[in-house]
Amino acid sequence: MTHASLSSPVSVARRRWLRGAGLALALPWWVSAVQAQPEAPEALIQRVAGEVFDAVKRDAAIRNGDLARITQLVDTLLMPHVNFERMTASAVGRFWRQATPEQRQRLQAEFKTLLVRTYAGALTQIRDQTLVVKPSRAAAGASEVVVRSEIRGRGEPIQLDYRLEQTPAGWKVYDLNVMGVWLVETYRTQFAQEINAKGIDGLIAALAERNRANAQRS
């Protein structure tokens, strides 16, 4: 038997060390690759909804309608997962291209305030409800999807669907359907009427006035 066919204890130990070292070097890359995998849209909606529901259930101020606390919750848990510029642009429609950068910023700010005040009441009603995401119908590799879900608890389930787009930063919501009515489509009709009558600045002024009126009533 030749020496070439034998493995000395030193060579065996060395190969084991090399394999172990190789695994150790490869492991951080593998873990990073797994962590870098984008979160599926259905999983994102389920996770964020769970975080929002849990936060409301823990916070009596939100359930009592504290607008500052509700806005903080929206900014912290919801807005990072929303393409709000696209949502606002879609609601403004073709007029968005005519708006200056300053007008676009003001439109987004007033539209966000309007939505927070409009839907704040729904958050105050959360008690034992949970959000259940329905099986996906999206084609593999789609860059835009609709995630369908229901809020279940006491009473009849409430349909709540989301339109999302895939971005370099992950999936982002850009439209919302509550009980069969898409939010962007609804506001697009209202905004177009205002812009046709008074221009983009007229729409901004109308939104600001509506937000002031809502603030006085709350």
C-alpha atoms as a PDB file:
ATOM      1  CA  MET A   1       0.000   0.000   0.000  1.00  0.00           C
ATOM      2  CA  THR A   2       1.507   3.329  -1.021  1.00  0.00           C
ATOM      3  CA  HIS A   3       1.733   6.376   1.142  1.00  0.00           C
ATOM      4  CA  ALA A   4      -0.476   8.209  -1.343  1.00  0.00           C
ATOM      5  CA  SER A   5      -3.404   5.963  -0.470  1.00  0.00           C
ATOM      6  CA  LEU A   6      -3.135   6.661   3.208  1.00  0.00           C
ATOM      7  CA  SER A   7      -4.446   9.623   5.170  1.00  0.00           C
ATOM      8  CA  SER A   8      -2.347  10.543   8.132  1.00  0.00           C
ATOM      9  CA  PRO A   9      -4.054  11.857  11.308  1.00  0.00           C
ATOM     10  CA  VAL A  10      -2.556  15.249  10.521  1.00  0.00           C
ATOM     11  CA  SER A  11      -3.959  15.382   6.985  1.00  0.00           C
ATOM     12  CA  VAL A  12      -7.405  14.187   8.164  1.00  0.00           C
ATOM     13  CA  ALA A  13      -7.476  16.802  10.886  1.00  0.00           C
ATOM     14  CA  ARG A  14      -6.355  19.452   8.425  1.00  0.00           C
ATOM     15  CA  ARG A  15      -9.146  18.578   5.970  1.00  0.00           C
ATOM     16  CA  ARG A  16     -11.707  18.706   8.741  1.00  0.00           C
ATOM     17  CA  TRP A  17     -10.379  22.093   9.846  1.00  0.00           C
ATOM     18  CA  LEU A  18     -10.555  23.395   6.272  1.00  0.00           C
ATOM     19  CA  ARG A  19     -14.114  22.150   5.869  1.00  0.00           C
ATOM     20  CA  GLY A  20     -15.047  23.761   9.177  1.00  0.00           C
ATOM     21  CA  ALA A  21     -13.318  27.001   8.258  1.00  0.00           C
ATOM     22  CA  GLY A  22     -15.022  27.016   4.883  1.00  0.00           C
ATOM     23  CA  LEU A  23     -18.404  26.515   6.524  1.00  0.00           C
ATOM     24  CA  ALA A  24     -17.687  29.280   9.012  1.00  0.00           C
ATOM     25  CA  LEU A  25     -16.741  31.632   6.214  1.00  0.00           C
ATOM     26  CA  ALA A  26     -19.750  30.675   4.105  1.00  0.00           C
ATOM     27  CA  LEU A  27     -22.290  30.839   6.957  1.00  0.00           C
ATOM     28  CA  PRO A  28     -22.441  34.660   7.299  1.00  0.00           C
ATOM     29  CA  TRP A  29     -22.977  34.982   3.545  1.00  0.00           C
ATOM     30  CA  TRP A  30     -25.704  32.334   3.593  1.00  0.00           C
ATOM     31  CA  VAL A  31     -27.462  33.950   6.565  1.00  0.00           C
ATOM     32  CA  SER A  32     -27.241  37.351   4.875  1.00  0.00           C
ATOM     33  CA  ALA A  33     -28.676  35.900   1.677  1.00  0.00           C
ATOM     34  CA  VAL A  34     -31.610  34.402   3.588  1.00  0.00           C
ATOM     35  CA  GLN A  35     -32.227  37.637   5.458  1.00  0.00           C
ATOM     36  CA  ALA A  36     -32.050  39.580   2.197  1.00  0.00           C
ATOM     37  CA  GLN A  37     -34.939  37.615   0.701  1.00  0.00           C
ATOM     38  CA  PRO A  38     -37.857  40.034   0.275  1.00  0.00           C
ATOM     39  CA  GLU A  39     -40.883  39.468   2.474  1.00  0.00           C
ATOM     40  CA  ALA A  40     -43.825  38.115   0.486  1.00  0.00           C
ATOM     41  CA  PRO A  41     -46.689  40.639   0.150  1.00  0.00           C
ATOM     42  CA  GLU A  42     -49.160  38.393   1.979  1.00  0.00           C
ATOM     43  CA  ALA A  43     -46.714  37.902   4.838  1.00  0.00           C
ATOM     44  CA  LEU A  44     -46.047  41.646   4.985  1.00  0.00           C
ATOM     45  CA  ILE A  45     -49.746  42.509   5.254  1.00  0.00           C
ATOM     46  CA  GLN A  46     -50.330  39.829   7.891  1.00  0.00           C
ATOM     47  CA  ARG A  47     -47.353  40.970   9.968  1.00  0.00           C
ATOM     48  CA  VAL A  48     -48.065  44.707   9.813  1.00  0.00           C
ATOM     49  CA  ALA A  49     -51.773  44.212  10.514  1.00  0.00           C
ATOM     50  CA  GLY A  50     -50.869  42.114  13.551  1.00  0.00           C
ATOM     51  CA  GLU A  51     -48.524  44.824  14.806  1.00  0.00           C
ATOM     52  CA  VAL A  52     -51.177  47.525  14.329  1.00  0.00           C
ATOM     53  CA  PHE A  53     -53.929  45.512  16.012  1.00  0.00           C
ATOM     54  CA  ASP A  54     -51.664  44.640  18.944  1.00  0.00           C
ATOM     55  CA  ALA A  55     -50.594  48.277  19.344  1.00  0.00           C
ATOM     56  CA  VAL A  56     -54.198  49.491  19.398  1.00  0.00           C
ATOM     57  CA  LYS A  57     -55.243  46.835  21.909  1.00  0.00           C
ATOM     58  CA  ARG A  58     -52.389  47.876  24.215  1.00  0.00           C
ATOM     59  CA  ASP A  59     -52.935  51.633  23.901  1.00  0.00           C
ATOM     60  CA  ALA A  60     -56.046  53.046  25.560  1.00  0.00           C
ATOM     61  CA  ALA A  61     -55.271  56.518  24.174  1.00  0.00           C
ATOM     62  CA  ILE A  62     -55.633  55.246  20.606  1.00  0.00           C
ATOM     63  CA  ARG A  63     -58.890  53.481  21.435  1.00  0.00           C
ATOM     64  CA  ASN A  64     -60.129  56.763  22.954  1.00  0.00           C
ATOM     65  CA  GLY A  65     -59.402  58.606  19.713  1.00  0.00           C
ATOM     66  CA  ASP A  66     -56.175  60.446  20.628  1.00  0.00           C
ATOM     67  CA  LEU A  67     -55.228  61.766  17.184  1.00  0.00           C
ATOM     68  CA  ALA A  68     -51.594  62.393  18.103  1.00  0.00           C
ATOM     69  CA  ARG A  69     -51.165  58.770  19.196  1.00  0.00           C
ATOM     70  CA  ILE A  70     -53.002  57.518  16.111  1.00  0.00           C
ATOM     71  CA  THR A  71     -50.781  59.620  13.837  1.00  0.00           C
ATOM     72  CA  GLN A  72     -47.703  58.294  15.617  1.00  0.00           C
ATOM     73  CA  LEU A  73     -48.904  54.728  15.070  1.00  0.00           C
ATOM     74  CA  VAL A  74     -49.539  55.419  11.378  1.00  0.00           C
ATOM     75  CA  ASP A  75     -46.116  57.016  10.916  1.00  0.00           C
ATOM     76  CA  THR A  76     -44.314  54.242  12.795  1.00  0.00           C
ATOM     77  CA  LEU A  77     -46.063  51.072  11.633  1.00  0.00           C
ATOM     78  CA  LEU A  78     -47.905  51.862   8.397  1.00  0.00           C
ATOM     79  CA  MET A  79     -46.150  54.586   6.410  1.00  0.00           C
ATOM     80  CA  PRO A  80     -42.848  52.692   6.003  1.00  0.00           C
ATOM     81  CA  HIS A  81     -44.814  50.146   3.944  1.00  0.00           C
ATOM     82  CA  VAL A  82     -46.787  52.631   1.819  1.00  0.00           C
ATOM     83  CA  ASN A  83     -45.759  54.340  -1.419  1.00  0.00           C
ATOM     84  CA  PHE A  84     -47.670  57.443  -0.449  1.00  0.00           C
ATOM     85  CA  GLU A  85     -46.332  59.525  -3.303  1.00  0.00           C
ATOM     86  CA  ARG A  86     -47.783  57.050  -5.797  1.00  0.00           C
ATOM     87  CA  MET A  87     -51.049  56.900  -3.854  1.00  0.00           C
ATOM     88  CA  THR A  88     -51.372  60.687  -3.912  1.00  0.00           C
ATOM     89  CA  ALA A  89     -50.302  60.938  -7.556  1.00  0.00           C
ATOM     90  CA  SER A  90     -52.888  58.337  -8.543  1.00  0.00           C
ATOM     91  CA  ALA A  91     -55.601  60.176  -6.636  1.00  0.00           C
ATOM     92  CA  VAL A  92     -54.679  63.490  -8.278  1.00  0.00           C
ATOM     93  CA  GLY A  93     -54.513  61.763 -11.670  1.00  0.00           C
ATOM     94  CA  ARG A  94     -53.233  63.503 -14.783  1.00  0.00           C
ATOM     95  CA  PHE A  95     -52.987  66.800 -12.934  1.00  0.00           C
ATOM     96  CA  TRP A  96     -50.055  65.450 -10.901  1.00  0.00           C
ATOM     97  CA  ARG A  97     -47.710  66.093 -13.835  1.00  0.00           C
ATOM     98  CA  GLN A  98     -48.675  69.766 -13.759  1.00  0.00           C
ATOM     99  CA  ALA A  99     -47.997  70.184 -10.041  1.00  0.00           C
ATOM    100  CA  THR A 100     -44.781  71.811  -8.833  1.00  0.00           C
ATOM    101  CA  PRO A 101     -42.582  69.975  -6.290  1.00  0.00           C
ATOM    102  CA  GLU A 102     -43.944  72.244  -3.542  1.00  0.00           C
ATOM    103  CA  GLN A 103     -47.542  71.554  -4.573  1.00  0.00           C
ATOM    104  CA  ARG A 104     -46.846  67.825  -4.583  1.00  0.00           C
ATOM    105  CA  GLN A 105     -45.468  67.972  -1.054  1.00  0.00           C
ATOM    106  CA  ARG A 106     -48.463  69.961   0.165  1.00  0.00           C
ATOM    107  CA  LEU A 107     -50.874  67.584  -1.559  1.00  0.00           C
ATOM    108  CA  GLN A 108     -49.254  64.587   0.122  1.00  0.00           C
ATOM    109  CA  ALA A 109     -49.294  66.269   3.539  1.00  0.00           C
ATOM    110  CA  GLU A 110     -52.959  67.323   3.361  1.00  0.00           C
ATOM    111  CA  PHE A 111     -54.058  64.008   1.822  1.00  0.00           C
ATOM    112  CA  LYS A 112     -52.299  62.059   4.573  1.00  0.00           C
ATOM    113  CA  THR A 113     -53.964  64.168   7.265  1.00  0.00           C
ATOM    114  CA  LEU A 114     -57.330  63.624   5.610  1.00  0.00           C
ATOM    115  CA  LEU A 115     -56.876  59.846   5.486  1.00  0.00           C
ATOM    116  CA  VAL A 116     -55.660  59.620   9.083  1.00  0.00           C
ATOM    117  CA  ARG A 117     -58.670  61.589  10.329  1.00  0.00           C
ATOM    118  CA  THR A 118     -61.065  59.656   8.091  1.00  0.00           C
ATOM    119  CA  TYR A 119     -59.928  56.225   9.220  1.00  0.00           C
ATOM    120  CA  ALA A 120     -58.999  57.063  12.816  1.00  0.00           C
ATOM    121  CA  GLY A 121     -62.458  56.028  13.941  1.00  0.00           C
ATOM    122  CA  ALA A 122     -61.937  52.527  12.578  1.00  0.00           C
ATOM    123  CA  LEU A 123     -58.807  52.084  14.712  1.00  0.00           C
ATOM    124  CA  THR A 124     -60.664  53.108  17.869  1.00  0.00           C
ATOM    125  CA  GLN A 125     -63.105  50.233  17.286  1.00  0.00           C
ATOM    126  CA  ILE A 126     -60.466  47.484  17.363  1.00  0.00           C
ATOM    127  CA  ARG A 127     -61.089  45.083  20.221  1.00  0.00           C
ATOM    128  CA  ASP A 128     -60.859  41.346  19.516  1.00  0.00           C
ATOM    129  CA  GLN A 129     -60.601  41.573  15.718  1.00  0.00           C
ATOM    130  CA  THR A 130     -57.937  39.875  13.655  1.00  0.00           C
ATOM    131  CA  LEU A 131     -56.969  40.209  10.003  1.00  0.00           C
ATOM    132  CA  VAL A 132     -57.026  37.040   7.912  1.00  0.00           C
ATOM    133  CA  VAL A 133     -55.169  37.090   4.589  1.00  0.00           C
ATOM    134  CA  LYS A 134     -56.702  35.017   1.814  1.00  0.00           C
ATOM    135  CA  PRO A 135     -54.664  32.737  -0.492  1.00  0.00           C
ATOM    136  CA  SER A 136     -52.768  34.622  -3.171  1.00  0.00           C
ATOM    137  CA  ARG A 137     -53.957  34.709  -6.778  1.00  0.00           C
ATOM    138  CA  ALA A 138     -50.887  36.541  -8.063  1.00  0.00           C
ATOM    139  CA  ALA A 139     -48.824  35.107 -10.901  1.00  0.00           C
ATOM    140  CA  ALA A 140     -45.301  34.039 -10.037  1.00  0.00           C
ATOM    141  CA  GLY A 141     -42.856  36.883 -10.498  1.00  0.00           C
ATOM    142  CA  ALA A 142     -45.541  39.591 -10.632  1.00  0.00           C
ATOM    143  CA  SER A 143     -44.310  43.070  -9.706  1.00  0.00           C
ATOM    144  CA  GLU A 144     -47.779  44.262  -8.674  1.00  0.00           C
ATOM    145  CA  VAL A 145     -50.281  42.205  -6.690  1.00  0.00           C
ATOM    146  CA  VAL A 146     -53.592  42.443  -4.871  1.00  0.00           C
ATOM    147  CA  VAL A 147     -53.636  40.975  -1.367  1.00  0.00           C
ATOM    148  CA  ARG A 148     -57.161  40.133  -0.257  1.00  0.00           C
ATOM    149  CA  SER A 149     -58.075  39.908   3.391  1.00  0.00           C
ATOM    150  CA  GLU A 150     -60.886  40.102   5.917  1.00  0.00           C
ATOM    151  CA  ILE A 151     -61.142  41.650   9.348  1.00  0.00           C
ATOM    152  CA  ARG A 152     -62.859  39.068  11.507  1.00  0.00           C
ATOM    153  CA  GLY A 153     -64.313  39.472  14.948  1.00  0.00           C
ATOM    154  CA  ARG A 154     -67.752  40.345  16.181  1.00  0.00           C
ATOM    155  CA  GLY A 155     -70.286  40.866  13.427  1.00  0.00           C
ATOM    156  CA  GLU A 156     -69.842  40.323   9.707  1.00  0.00           C
ATOM    157  CA  PRO A 157     -66.318  40.127   8.248  1.00  0.00           C
ATOM    158  CA  ILE A 158     -65.055  43.348   6.669  1.00  0.00           C
ATOM    159  CA  GLN A 159     -63.406  43.065   3.256  1.00  0.00           C
ATOM    160  CA  LEU A 160     -60.032  44.807   3.154  1.00  0.00           C
ATOM    161  CA  ASP A 161     -57.812  44.477   0.095  1.00  0.00           C
ATOM    162  CA  TYR A 162     -54.469  46.039  -0.783  1.00  0.00           C
ATOM    163  CA  ARG A 163     -52.690  46.844  -4.026  1.00  0.00           C
ATOM    164  CA  LEU A 164     -48.931  46.531  -3.664  1.00  0.00           C
ATOM    165  CA  GLU A 165     -45.943  47.097  -5.905  1.00  0.00           C
ATOM    166  CA  GLN A 166     -42.501  45.574  -5.626  1.00  0.00           C
ATOM    167  CA  THR A 167     -39.762  48.150  -5.065  1.00  0.00           C
ATOM    168  CA  PRO A 168     -36.045  47.926  -4.252  1.00  0.00           C
ATOM    169  CA  ALA A 169     -37.061  48.519  -0.628  1.00  0.00           C
ATOM    170  CA  GLY A 170     -39.631  45.710  -0.629  1.00  0.00           C
ATOM    171  CA  TRP A 171     -43.376  45.568  -1.246  1.00  0.00           C
ATOM    172  CA  LYS A 172     -45.261  48.852  -0.819  1.00  0.00           C
ATOM    173  CA  VAL A 173     -49.017  49.484  -0.613  1.00  0.00           C
ATOM    174  CA  TYR A 174     -50.367  52.101  -3.013  1.00  0.00           C
ATOM    175  CA  ASP A 175     -54.131  51.574  -2.843  1.00  0.00           C
ATOM    176  CA  LEU A 176     -56.702  50.205  -0.433  1.00  0.00           C
ATOM    177  CA  ASN A 177     -60.121  48.642  -0.919  1.00  0.00           C
ATOM    178  CA  VAL A 178     -62.595  48.830   1.968  1.00  0.00           C
ATOM    179  CA  MET A 179     -65.768  46.793   1.450  1.00  0.00           C
ATOM    180  CA  GLY A 180     -65.534  46.929  -2.342  1.00  0.00           C
ATOM    181  CA  VAL A 181     -64.541  50.584  -2.775  1.00  0.00           C
ATOM    182  CA  TRP A 182     -60.993  51.468  -3.886  1.00  0.00           C
ATOM    183  CA  LEU A 183     -59.698  54.509  -2.039  1.00  0.00           C
ATOM    184  CA  VAL A 184     -57.702  56.068  -4.893  1.00  0.00           C
ATOM    185  CA  GLU A 185     -60.536  55.802  -7.399  1.00  0.00           C
ATOM    186  CA  THR A 186     -62.957  57.440  -4.982  1.00  0.00           C
ATOM    187  CA  TYR A 187     -60.706  60.420  -4.289  1.00  0.00           C
ATOM    188  CA  ARG A 188     -59.639  60.781  -7.935  1.00  0.00           C
ATOM    189  CA  THR A 189     -63.198  61.711  -8.899  1.00  0.00           C
ATOM    190  CA  GLN A 190     -63.500  64.232  -6.059  1.00  0.00           C
ATOM    191  CA  PHE A 191     -60.070  65.752  -6.702  1.00  0.00           C
ATOM    192  CA  ALA A 192     -60.661  66.106 -10.444  1.00  0.00           C
ATOM    193  CA  GLN A 193     -63.841  68.100  -9.810  1.00  0.00           C
ATOM    194  CA  GLU A 194     -61.997  70.436  -7.445  1.00  0.00           C
ATOM    195  CA  ILE A 195     -59.007  70.914  -9.753  1.00  0.00           C
ATOM    196  CA  ASN A 196     -61.201  71.546 -12.789  1.00  0.00           C
ATOM    197  CA  ALA A 197     -63.023  74.249 -10.839  1.00  0.00           C
ATOM    198  CA  LYS A 198     -60.172  75.895  -8.898  1.00  0.00           C
ATOM    199  CA  GLY A 199     -56.857  74.404 -10.006  1.00  0.00           C
ATOM    200  CA  ILE A 200     -54.276  72.480  -7.968  1.00  0.00           C
ATOM    201  CA  ASP A 201     -53.940  75.247  -5.380  1.00  0.00           C
ATOM    202  CA  GLY A 202     -57.717  75.156  -5.036  1.00  0.00           C
ATOM    203  CA  LEU A 203     -57.571  71.444  -4.224  1.00  0.00           C
ATOM    204  CA  ILE A 204     -54.837  72.023  -1.650  1.00  0.00           C
ATOM    205  CA  ALA A 205     -56.891  74.778  -0.040  1.00  0.00           C
ATOM    206  CA  ALA A 206     -60.013  72.612  -0.020  1.00  0.00           C
ATOM    207  CA  LEU A 207     -58.138  69.730   1.638  1.00  0.00           C
ATOM    208  CA  ALA A 208     -56.642  72.059   4.228  1.00  0.00           C
ATOM    209  CA  GLU A 209     -60.048  73.523   5.014  1.00  0.00           C
ATOM    210  CA  ARG A 210     -61.608  70.085   5.340  1.00  0.00           C
ATOM    211  CA  ASN A 211     -58.814  69.000   7.684  1.00  0.00           C
ATOM    212  CA  ARG A 212     -59.314  72.124   9.825  1.00  0.00           C
ATOM    213  CA  ALA A 213     -63.045  71.452  10.008  1.00  0.00           C
ATOM    214  CA  ASN A 214     -62.430  67.829  11.007  1.00  0.00           C
ATOM    215  CA  ALA A 215     -59.982  68.966  13.681  1.00  0.00           C
ATOM    216  CA  GLN A 216     -62.532  71.321  15.186  1.00  0.00           C
ATOM    217  CA  ARG A 217     -65.145  68.568  15.330  1.00  0.00           C
ATOM    218  CA  SER A 218     -62.822  66.082  17.000  1.00  0.00           C
END
